[in-house]
Amino acid sequence: MAQPSTGALSLLTGAVMAAALSGAAVLAVLDSGCDDPGTYTEHDGVVELIGGCLHPSDLPITPHNPADAPTPGTADPSLAR
């Protein structure tokens, strides 16, 4: 009986892994428990997600102070040697 070549075994392994990962992704989406996917609407030039299962408390908040932002084209002084 002939042994499969190394290339055929690699191809088969890749195909099996791709199928397994695809199945896991489908199961994760089906089990997410979100009945309302939400919709994106635009008003006054701002795109906003209406509905969905994402809540503001789910997102990390990082305070942003424009005065602390580096000027484009300048180096960050904390990176100086």
PDB file of N, CA and C in Angstrom:
ATOM      1  N   MET A   1       0.833  -1.171   0.000  1.00  0.00           N
ATOM      2  CA  MET A   1       0.000   0.000   0.000  1.00  0.00           C
ATOM      3  C   MET A   1       0.884   1.241   0.000  1.00  0.00           C
ATOM      4  N   ALA A   2       0.516   2.240  -0.768  1.00  0.00           N
ATOM      5  CA  ALA A   2       1.335   3.444  -0.904  1.00  0.00           C
ATOM      6  C   ALA A   2       1.049   4.417   0.236  1.00  0.00           C
ATOM      7  N   GLN A   3       2.091   5.054   0.711  1.00  0.00           N
ATOM      8  CA  GLN A   3       1.978   6.075   1.749  1.00  0.00           C
ATOM      9  C   GLN A   3       1.651   7.420   1.085  1.00  0.00           C
ATOM     10  N   PRO A   4       0.779   8.247   1.698  1.00  0.00           N
ATOM     11  CA  PRO A   4       0.536   9.572   1.120  1.00  0.00           C
ATOM     12  C   PRO A   4       1.795  10.426   1.230  1.00  0.00           C
ATOM     13  N   SER A   5       2.011  11.267   0.252  1.00  0.00           N
ATOM     14  CA  SER A   5       3.197  12.122   0.288  1.00  0.00           C
ATOM     15  C   SER A   5       3.049  13.172   1.383  1.00  0.00           C
ATOM     16  N   THR A   6       4.164  13.768   1.783  1.00  0.00           N
ATOM     17  CA  THR A   6       4.157  14.778   2.832  1.00  0.00           C
ATOM     18  C   THR A   6       3.278  15.960   2.435  1.00  0.00           C
ATOM     19  N   GLY A   7       3.288  16.341   1.159  1.00  0.00           N
ATOM     20  CA  GLY A   7       2.472  17.458   0.690  1.00  0.00           C
ATOM     21  C   GLY A   7       0.992  17.169   0.827  1.00  0.00           C
ATOM     22  N   ALA A   8       0.583  15.939   0.511  1.00  0.00           N
ATOM     23  CA  ALA A   8      -0.829  15.575   0.614  1.00  0.00           C
ATOM     24  C   ALA A   8      -1.265  15.547   2.077  1.00  0.00           C
ATOM     25  N   LEU A   9      -0.390  15.081   2.953  1.00  0.00           N
ATOM     26  CA  LEU A   9      -0.715  15.040   4.377  1.00  0.00           C
ATOM     27  C   LEU A   9      -0.842  16.466   4.936  1.00  0.00           C
ATOM     28  N   SER A  10       0.027  17.365   4.518  1.00  0.00           N
ATOM     29  CA  SER A  10      -0.052  18.763   4.955  1.00  0.00           C
ATOM     30  C   SER A  10      -1.344  19.404   4.464  1.00  0.00           C
ATOM     31  N   LEU A  11      -1.704  19.130   3.232  1.00  0.00           N
ATOM     32  CA  LEU A  11      -2.929  19.680   2.665  1.00  0.00           C
ATOM     33  C   LEU A  11      -4.151  19.156   3.416  1.00  0.00           C
ATOM     34  N   LEU A  12      -4.172  17.871   3.698  1.00  0.00           N
ATOM     35  CA  LEU A  12      -5.279  17.269   4.423  1.00  0.00           C
ATOM     36  C   LEU A  12      -5.375  17.839   5.840  1.00  0.00           C
ATOM     37  N   THR A  13      -4.239  17.981   6.499  1.00  0.00           N
ATOM     38  CA  THR A  13      -4.218  18.539   7.852  1.00  0.00           C
ATOM     39  C   THR A  13      -4.736  19.973   7.847  1.00  0.00           C
ATOM     40  N   GLY A  14      -4.311  20.769   6.879  1.00  0.00           N
ATOM     41  CA  GLY A  14      -4.769  22.156   6.768  1.00  0.00           C
ATOM     42  C   GLY A  14      -6.271  22.238   6.536  1.00  0.00           C
ATOM     43  N   ALA A  15      -6.786  21.365   5.680  1.00  0.00           N
ATOM     44  CA  ALA A  15      -8.222  21.369   5.382  1.00  0.00           C
ATOM     45  C   ALA A  15      -9.036  20.964   6.614  1.00  0.00           C
ATOM     46  N   VAL A  16      -8.559  19.968   7.350  1.00  0.00           N
ATOM     47  CA  VAL A  16      -9.265  19.534   8.563  1.00  0.00           C
ATOM     48  C   VAL A  16      -9.247  20.643   9.613  1.00  0.00           C
ATOM     49  N   MET A  17      -8.115  21.307   9.779  1.00  0.00           N
ATOM     50  CA  MET A  17      -8.017  22.395  10.756  1.00  0.00           C
ATOM     51  C   MET A  17      -8.912  23.564  10.356  1.00  0.00           C
ATOM     52  N   ALA A  18      -8.956  23.901   9.074  1.00  0.00           N
ATOM     53  CA  ALA A  18      -9.808  24.994   8.608  1.00  0.00           C
ATOM     54  C   ALA A  18     -11.278  24.672   8.864  1.00  0.00           C
ATOM     55  N   ALA A  19     -11.677  23.436   8.614  1.00  0.00           N
ATOM     56  CA  ALA A  19     -13.062  23.033   8.856  1.00  0.00           C
ATOM     57  C   ALA A  19     -13.389  23.092  10.349  1.00  0.00           C
ATOM     58  N   ALA A  20     -12.462  22.651  11.183  1.00  0.00           N
ATOM     59  CA  ALA A  20     -12.692  22.673  12.632  1.00  0.00           C
ATOM     60  C   ALA A  20     -12.807  24.102  13.149  1.00  0.00           C
ATOM     61  N   LEU A  21     -11.931  24.994  12.697  1.00  0.00           N
ATOM     62  CA  LEU A  21     -11.990  26.387  13.141  1.00  0.00           C
ATOM     63  C   LEU A  21     -13.244  27.093  12.622  1.00  0.00           C
ATOM     64  N   SER A  22     -13.646  26.778  11.401  1.00  0.00           N
ATOM     65  CA  SER A  22     -14.875  27.361  10.852  1.00  0.00           C
ATOM     66  C   SER A  22     -16.082  26.897  11.654  1.00  0.00           C
ATOM     67  N   GLY A  23     -16.121  25.623  12.006  1.00  0.00           N
ATOM     68  CA  GLY A  23     -17.215  25.100  12.822  1.00  0.00           C
ATOM     69  C   GLY A  23     -17.251  25.743  14.194  1.00  0.00           C
ATOM     70  N   ALA A  24     -16.084  25.951  14.785  1.00  0.00           N
ATOM     71  CA  ALA A  24     -16.017  26.596  16.104  1.00  0.00           C
ATOM     72  C   ALA A  24     -16.511  28.038  16.025  1.00  0.00           C
ATOM     73  N   ALA A  25     -16.176  28.729  14.942  1.00  0.00           N
ATOM     74  CA  ALA A  25     -16.627  30.116  14.775  1.00  0.00           C
ATOM     75  C   ALA A  25     -18.147  30.179  14.630  1.00  0.00           C
ATOM     76  N   VAL A  26     -18.715  29.269  13.849  1.00  0.00           N
ATOM     77  CA  VAL A  26     -20.169  29.238  13.669  1.00  0.00           C
ATOM     78  C   VAL A  26     -20.853  28.952  15.000  1.00  0.00           C
ATOM     79  N   LEU A  27     -20.346  28.002  15.751  1.00  0.00           N
ATOM     80  CA  LEU A  27     -20.937  27.691  17.053  1.00  0.00           C
ATOM     81  C   LEU A  27     -20.834  28.875  18.017  1.00  0.00           C
ATOM     82  N   ALA A  28     -19.726  29.588  17.988  1.00  0.00           N
ATOM     83  CA  ALA A  28     -19.560  30.744  18.870  1.00  0.00           C
ATOM     84  C   ALA A  28     -20.579  31.829  18.541  1.00  0.00           C
ATOM     85  N   VAL A  29     -20.824  32.049  17.254  1.00  0.00           N
ATOM     86  CA  VAL A  29     -21.796  33.064  16.849  1.00  0.00           C
ATOM     87  C   VAL A  29     -23.207  32.630  17.219  1.00  0.00           C
ATOM     88  N   LEU A  30     -23.528  31.367  16.978  1.00  0.00           N
ATOM     89  CA  LEU A  30     -24.870  30.888  17.297  1.00  0.00           C
ATOM     90  C   LEU A  30     -25.142  30.896  18.795  1.00  0.00           C
ATOM     91  N   ASP A  31     -24.102  30.730  19.601  1.00  0.00           N
ATOM     92  CA  ASP A  31     -24.255  30.662  21.050  1.00  0.00           C
ATOM     93  C   ASP A  31     -24.024  32.012  21.727  1.00  0.00           C
ATOM     94  N   SER A  32     -23.899  33.087  20.954  1.00  0.00           N
ATOM     95  CA  SER A  32     -23.579  34.390  21.544  1.00  0.00           C
ATOM     96  C   SER A  32     -24.738  34.976  22.337  1.00  0.00           C
ATOM     97  N   GLY A  33     -25.968  34.557  22.039  1.00  0.00           N
ATOM     98  CA  GLY A  33     -27.110  35.023  22.808  1.00  0.00           C
ATOM     99  C   GLY A  33     -27.581  36.413  22.449  1.00  0.00           C
ATOM    100  N   CYS A  34     -27.187  36.927  21.311  1.00  0.00           N
ATOM    101  CA  CYS A  34     -27.605  38.259  20.899  1.00  0.00           C
ATOM    102  C   CYS A  34     -28.714  38.126  19.864  1.00  0.00           C
ATOM    103  N   ASP A  35     -29.922  38.568  20.249  1.00  0.00           N
ATOM    104  CA  ASP A  35     -31.058  38.479  19.337  1.00  0.00           C
ATOM    105  C   ASP A  35     -31.179  39.693  18.426  1.00  0.00           C
ATOM    106  N   ASP A  36     -30.577  40.820  18.809  1.00  0.00           N
ATOM    107  CA  ASP A  36     -30.668  42.061  18.041  1.00  0.00           C
ATOM    108  C   ASP A  36     -29.285  42.457  17.550  1.00  0.00           C
ATOM    109  N   PRO A  37     -28.990  42.242  16.261  1.00  0.00           N
ATOM    110  CA  PRO A  37     -27.653  42.584  15.779  1.00  0.00           C
ATOM    111  C   PRO A  37     -27.406  44.081  15.708  1.00  0.00           C
ATOM    112  N   GLY A  38     -28.440  44.899  15.740  1.00  0.00           N
ATOM    113  CA  GLY A  38     -28.289  46.343  15.681  1.00  0.00           C
ATOM    114  C   GLY A  38     -28.162  46.833  14.245  1.00  0.00           C
ATOM    115  N   THR A  39     -28.274  48.135  14.082  1.00  0.00           N
ATOM    116  CA  THR A  39     -28.126  48.756  12.767  1.00  0.00           C
ATOM    117  C   THR A  39     -27.293  50.017  12.907  1.00  0.00           C
ATOM    118  N   TYR A  40     -26.580  50.350  11.854  1.00  0.00           N
ATOM    119  CA  TYR A  40     -25.796  51.580  11.832  1.00  0.00           C
ATOM    120  C   TYR A  40     -26.607  52.658  11.146  1.00  0.00           C
ATOM    121  N   THR A  41     -26.697  53.827  11.757  1.00  0.00           N
ATOM    122  CA  THR A  41     -27.375  54.958  11.150  1.00  0.00           C
ATOM    123  C   THR A  41     -26.431  56.153  11.156  1.00  0.00           C
ATOM    124  N   GLU A  42     -26.605  57.018  10.176  1.00  0.00           N
ATOM    125  CA  GLU A  42     -25.759  58.206  10.088  1.00  0.00           C
ATOM    126  C   GLU A  42     -26.634  59.436  10.266  1.00  0.00           C
ATOM    127  N   HIS A  43     -26.179  60.339  11.118  1.00  0.00           N
ATOM    128  CA  HIS A  43     -26.851  61.616  11.291  1.00  0.00           C
ATOM    129  C   HIS A  43     -25.812  62.665  11.632  1.00  0.00           C
ATOM    130  N   ASP A  44     -25.904  63.796  10.988  1.00  0.00           N
ATOM    131  CA  ASP A  44     -24.961  64.911  11.188  1.00  0.00           C
ATOM    132  C   ASP A  44     -23.514  64.484  10.986  1.00  0.00           C
ATOM    133  N   GLY A  45     -23.266  63.583  10.042  1.00  0.00           N
ATOM    134  CA  GLY A  45     -21.907  63.149   9.743  1.00  0.00           C
ATOM    135  C   GLY A  45     -21.329  62.168  10.742  1.00  0.00           C
ATOM    136  N   VAL A  46     -22.139  61.646  11.659  1.00  0.00           N
ATOM    137  CA  VAL A  46     -21.672  60.698  12.669  1.00  0.00           C
ATOM    138  C   VAL A  46     -22.401  59.372  12.462  1.00  0.00           C
ATOM    139  N   VAL A  47     -21.654  58.283  12.429  1.00  0.00           N
ATOM    140  CA  VAL A  47     -22.254  56.959  12.304  1.00  0.00           C
ATOM    141  C   VAL A  47     -22.450  56.404  13.706  1.00  0.00           C
ATOM    142  N   GLU A  48     -23.660  55.921  13.972  1.00  0.00           N
ATOM    143  CA  GLU A  48     -23.996  55.445  15.315  1.00  0.00           C
ATOM    144  C   GLU A  48     -24.633  54.060  15.221  1.00  0.00           C
ATOM    145  N   LEU A  49     -24.254  53.181  16.146  1.00  0.00           N
ATOM    146  CA  LEU A  49     -24.864  51.848  16.236  1.00  0.00           C
ATOM    147  C   LEU A  49     -26.102  51.948  17.112  1.00  0.00           C
ATOM    148  N   ILE A  50     -27.249  51.576  16.532  1.00  0.00           N
ATOM    149  CA  ILE A  50     -28.511  51.593  17.266  1.00  0.00           C
ATOM    150  C   ILE A  50     -28.914  50.155  17.537  1.00  0.00           C
ATOM    151  N   GLY A  51     -29.150  49.823  18.779  1.00  0.00           N
ATOM    152  CA  GLY A  51     -29.511  48.462  19.148  1.00  0.00           C
ATOM    153  C   GLY A  51     -28.267  47.612  19.324  1.00  0.00           C
ATOM    154  N   GLY A  52     -28.427  46.331  19.182  1.00  0.00           N
ATOM    155  CA  GLY A  52     -27.299  45.420  19.333  1.00  0.00           C
ATOM    156  C   GLY A  52     -27.088  45.013  20.769  1.00  0.00           C
ATOM    157  N   CYS A  53     -26.138  44.151  20.981  1.00  0.00           N
ATOM    158  CA  CYS A  53     -25.877  43.611  22.317  1.00  0.00           C
ATOM    159  C   CYS A  53     -24.676  44.256  22.990  1.00  0.00           C
ATOM    160  N   LEU A  54     -24.111  45.273  22.373  1.00  0.00           N
ATOM    161  CA  LEU A  54     -22.960  45.952  22.947  1.00  0.00           C
ATOM    162  C   LEU A  54     -23.453  47.125  23.777  1.00  0.00           C
ATOM    163  N   HIS A  55     -22.971  47.213  25.005  1.00  0.00           N
ATOM    164  CA  HIS A  55     -23.359  48.283  25.902  1.00  0.00           C
ATOM    165  C   HIS A  55     -22.141  49.152  26.181  1.00  0.00           C
ATOM    166  N   PRO A  56     -22.340  50.440  26.450  1.00  0.00           N
ATOM    167  CA  PRO A  56     -21.189  51.311  26.722  1.00  0.00           C
ATOM    168  C   PRO A  56     -20.292  50.787  27.839  1.00  0.00           C
ATOM    169  N   SER A  57     -20.849  50.101  28.805  1.00  0.00           N
ATOM    170  CA  SER A  57     -20.037  49.578  29.907  1.00  0.00           C
ATOM    171  C   SER A  57     -19.139  48.415  29.463  1.00  0.00           C
ATOM    172  N   ASP A  58     -19.393  47.858  28.261  1.00  0.00           N
ATOM    173  CA  ASP A  58     -18.553  46.779  27.735  1.00  0.00           C
ATOM    174  C   ASP A  58     -17.236  47.301  27.168  1.00  0.00           C
ATOM    175  N   LEU A  59     -17.166  48.592  26.891  1.00  0.00           N
ATOM    176  CA  LEU A  59     -15.998  49.173  26.238  1.00  0.00           C
ATOM    177  C   LEU A  59     -15.078  49.837  27.250  1.00  0.00           C
ATOM    178  N   PRO A  60     -13.772  49.657  27.080  1.00  0.00           N
ATOM    179  CA  PRO A  60     -12.847  50.368  27.973  1.00  0.00           C
ATOM    180  C   PRO A  60     -12.836  51.850  27.608  1.00  0.00           C
ATOM    181  N   ILE A  61     -12.751  52.679  28.590  1.00  0.00           N
ATOM    182  CA  ILE A  61     -12.726  54.120  28.351  1.00  0.00           C
ATOM    183  C   ILE A  61     -11.323  54.629  28.633  1.00  0.00           C
ATOM    184  N   THR A  62     -10.771  55.284  27.636  1.00  0.00           N
ATOM    185  CA  THR A  62      -9.456  55.884  27.791  1.00  0.00           C
ATOM    186  C   THR A  62      -9.624  57.391  27.631  1.00  0.00           C
ATOM    187  N   PRO A  63      -9.341  58.147  28.660  1.00  0.00           N
ATOM    188  CA  PRO A  63      -9.490  59.592  28.521  1.00  0.00           C
ATOM    189  C   PRO A  63      -8.535  60.116  27.454  1.00  0.00           C
ATOM    190  N   HIS A  64      -9.029  60.994  26.641  1.00  0.00           N
ATOM    191  CA  HIS A  64      -8.208  61.555  25.575  1.00  0.00           C
ATOM    192  C   HIS A  64      -8.160  63.060  25.752  1.00  0.00           C
ATOM    193  N   ASN A  65      -6.972  63.573  25.955  1.00  0.00           N
ATOM    194  CA  ASN A  65      -6.774  65.000  26.076  1.00  0.00           C
ATOM    195  C   ASN A  65      -6.000  65.459  24.847  1.00  0.00           C
ATOM    196  N   PRO A  66      -6.630  66.207  23.939  1.00  0.00           N
ATOM    197  CA  PRO A  66      -5.930  66.628  22.724  1.00  0.00           C
ATOM    198  C   PRO A  66      -4.664  67.410  23.013  1.00  0.00           C
ATOM    199  N   ALA A  67      -4.566  68.085  24.155  1.00  0.00           N
ATOM    200  CA  ALA A  67      -3.360  68.840  24.478  1.00  0.00           C
ATOM    201  C   ALA A  67      -2.174  67.910  24.718  1.00  0.00           C
ATOM    202  N   ASP A  68      -2.426  66.663  25.129  1.00  0.00           N
ATOM    203  CA  ASP A  68      -1.355  65.708  25.386  1.00  0.00           C
ATOM    204  C   ASP A  68      -0.882  64.999  24.121  1.00  0.00           C
ATOM    205  N   ALA A  69      -1.622  65.125  23.039  1.00  0.00           N
ATOM    206  CA  ALA A  69      -1.269  64.429  21.798  1.00  0.00           C
ATOM    207  C   ALA A  69      -0.034  65.076  21.184  1.00  0.00           C
ATOM    208  N   PRO A  70       0.911  64.265  20.681  1.00  0.00           N
ATOM    209  CA  PRO A  70       2.099  64.845  20.052  1.00  0.00           C
ATOM    210  C   PRO A  70       1.728  65.528  18.745  1.00  0.00           C
ATOM    211  N   THR A  71       2.481  66.558  18.422  1.00  0.00           N
ATOM    212  CA  THR A  71       2.292  67.244  17.152  1.00  0.00           C
ATOM    213  C   THR A  71       2.803  66.339  16.042  1.00  0.00           C
ATOM    214  N   PRO A  72       2.058  66.202  14.962  1.00  0.00           N
ATOM    215  CA  PRO A  72       2.513  65.324  13.864  1.00  0.00           C
ATOM    216  C   PRO A  72       3.896  65.755  13.379  1.00  0.00           C
ATOM    217  N   GLY A  73       4.760  64.780  13.182  1.00  0.00           N
ATOM    218  CA  GLY A  73       6.107  65.040  12.694  1.00  0.00           C
ATOM    219  C   GLY A  73       7.122  65.244  13.798  1.00  0.00           C
ATOM    220  N   THR A  74       6.690  65.228  15.053  1.00  0.00           N
ATOM    221  CA  THR A  74       7.629  65.383  16.158  1.00  0.00           C
ATOM    222  C   THR A  74       7.747  64.061  16.890  1.00  0.00           C
ATOM    223  N   ALA A  75       8.881  63.848  17.485  1.00  0.00           N
ATOM    224  CA  ALA A  75       9.139  62.615  18.221  1.00  0.00           C
ATOM    225  C   ALA A  75       8.554  62.709  19.619  1.00  0.00           C
ATOM    226  N   ASP A  76       8.191  61.581  20.166  1.00  0.00           N
ATOM    227  CA  ASP A  76       7.709  61.517  21.540  1.00  0.00           C
ATOM    228  C   ASP A  76       8.918  61.694  22.459  1.00  0.00           C
ATOM    229  N   PRO A  77       8.931  62.726  23.341  1.00  0.00           N
ATOM    230  CA  PRO A  77      10.109  62.950  24.201  1.00  0.00           C
ATOM    231  C   PRO A  77      10.412  61.786  25.133  1.00  0.00           C
ATOM    232  N   SER A  78       9.420  60.979  25.462  1.00  0.00           N
ATOM    233  CA  SER A  78       9.683  59.847  26.357  1.00  0.00           C
ATOM    234  C   SER A  78      10.487  58.757  25.667  1.00  0.00           C
ATOM    235  N   LEU A  79      10.582  58.811  24.329  1.00  0.00           N
ATOM    236  CA  LEU A  79      11.345  57.814  23.585  1.00  0.00           C
ATOM    237  C   LEU A  79      12.785  58.237  23.352  1.00  0.00           C
ATOM    238  N   ALA A  80      13.159  59.448  23.788  1.00  0.00           N
ATOM    239  CA  ALA A  80      14.520  59.935  23.576  1.00  0.00           C
ATOM    240  C   ALA A  80      15.508  59.117  24.387  1.00  0.00           C
ATOM    241  N   ARG A  81      16.662  58.919  23.820  1.00  0.00           N
ATOM    242  CA  ARG A  81      17.700  58.121  24.501  1.00  0.00           C
ATOM    243  C   ARG A  81      18.533  58.961  25.404  1.00  0.00           C
TER     244      ARG A  81
END
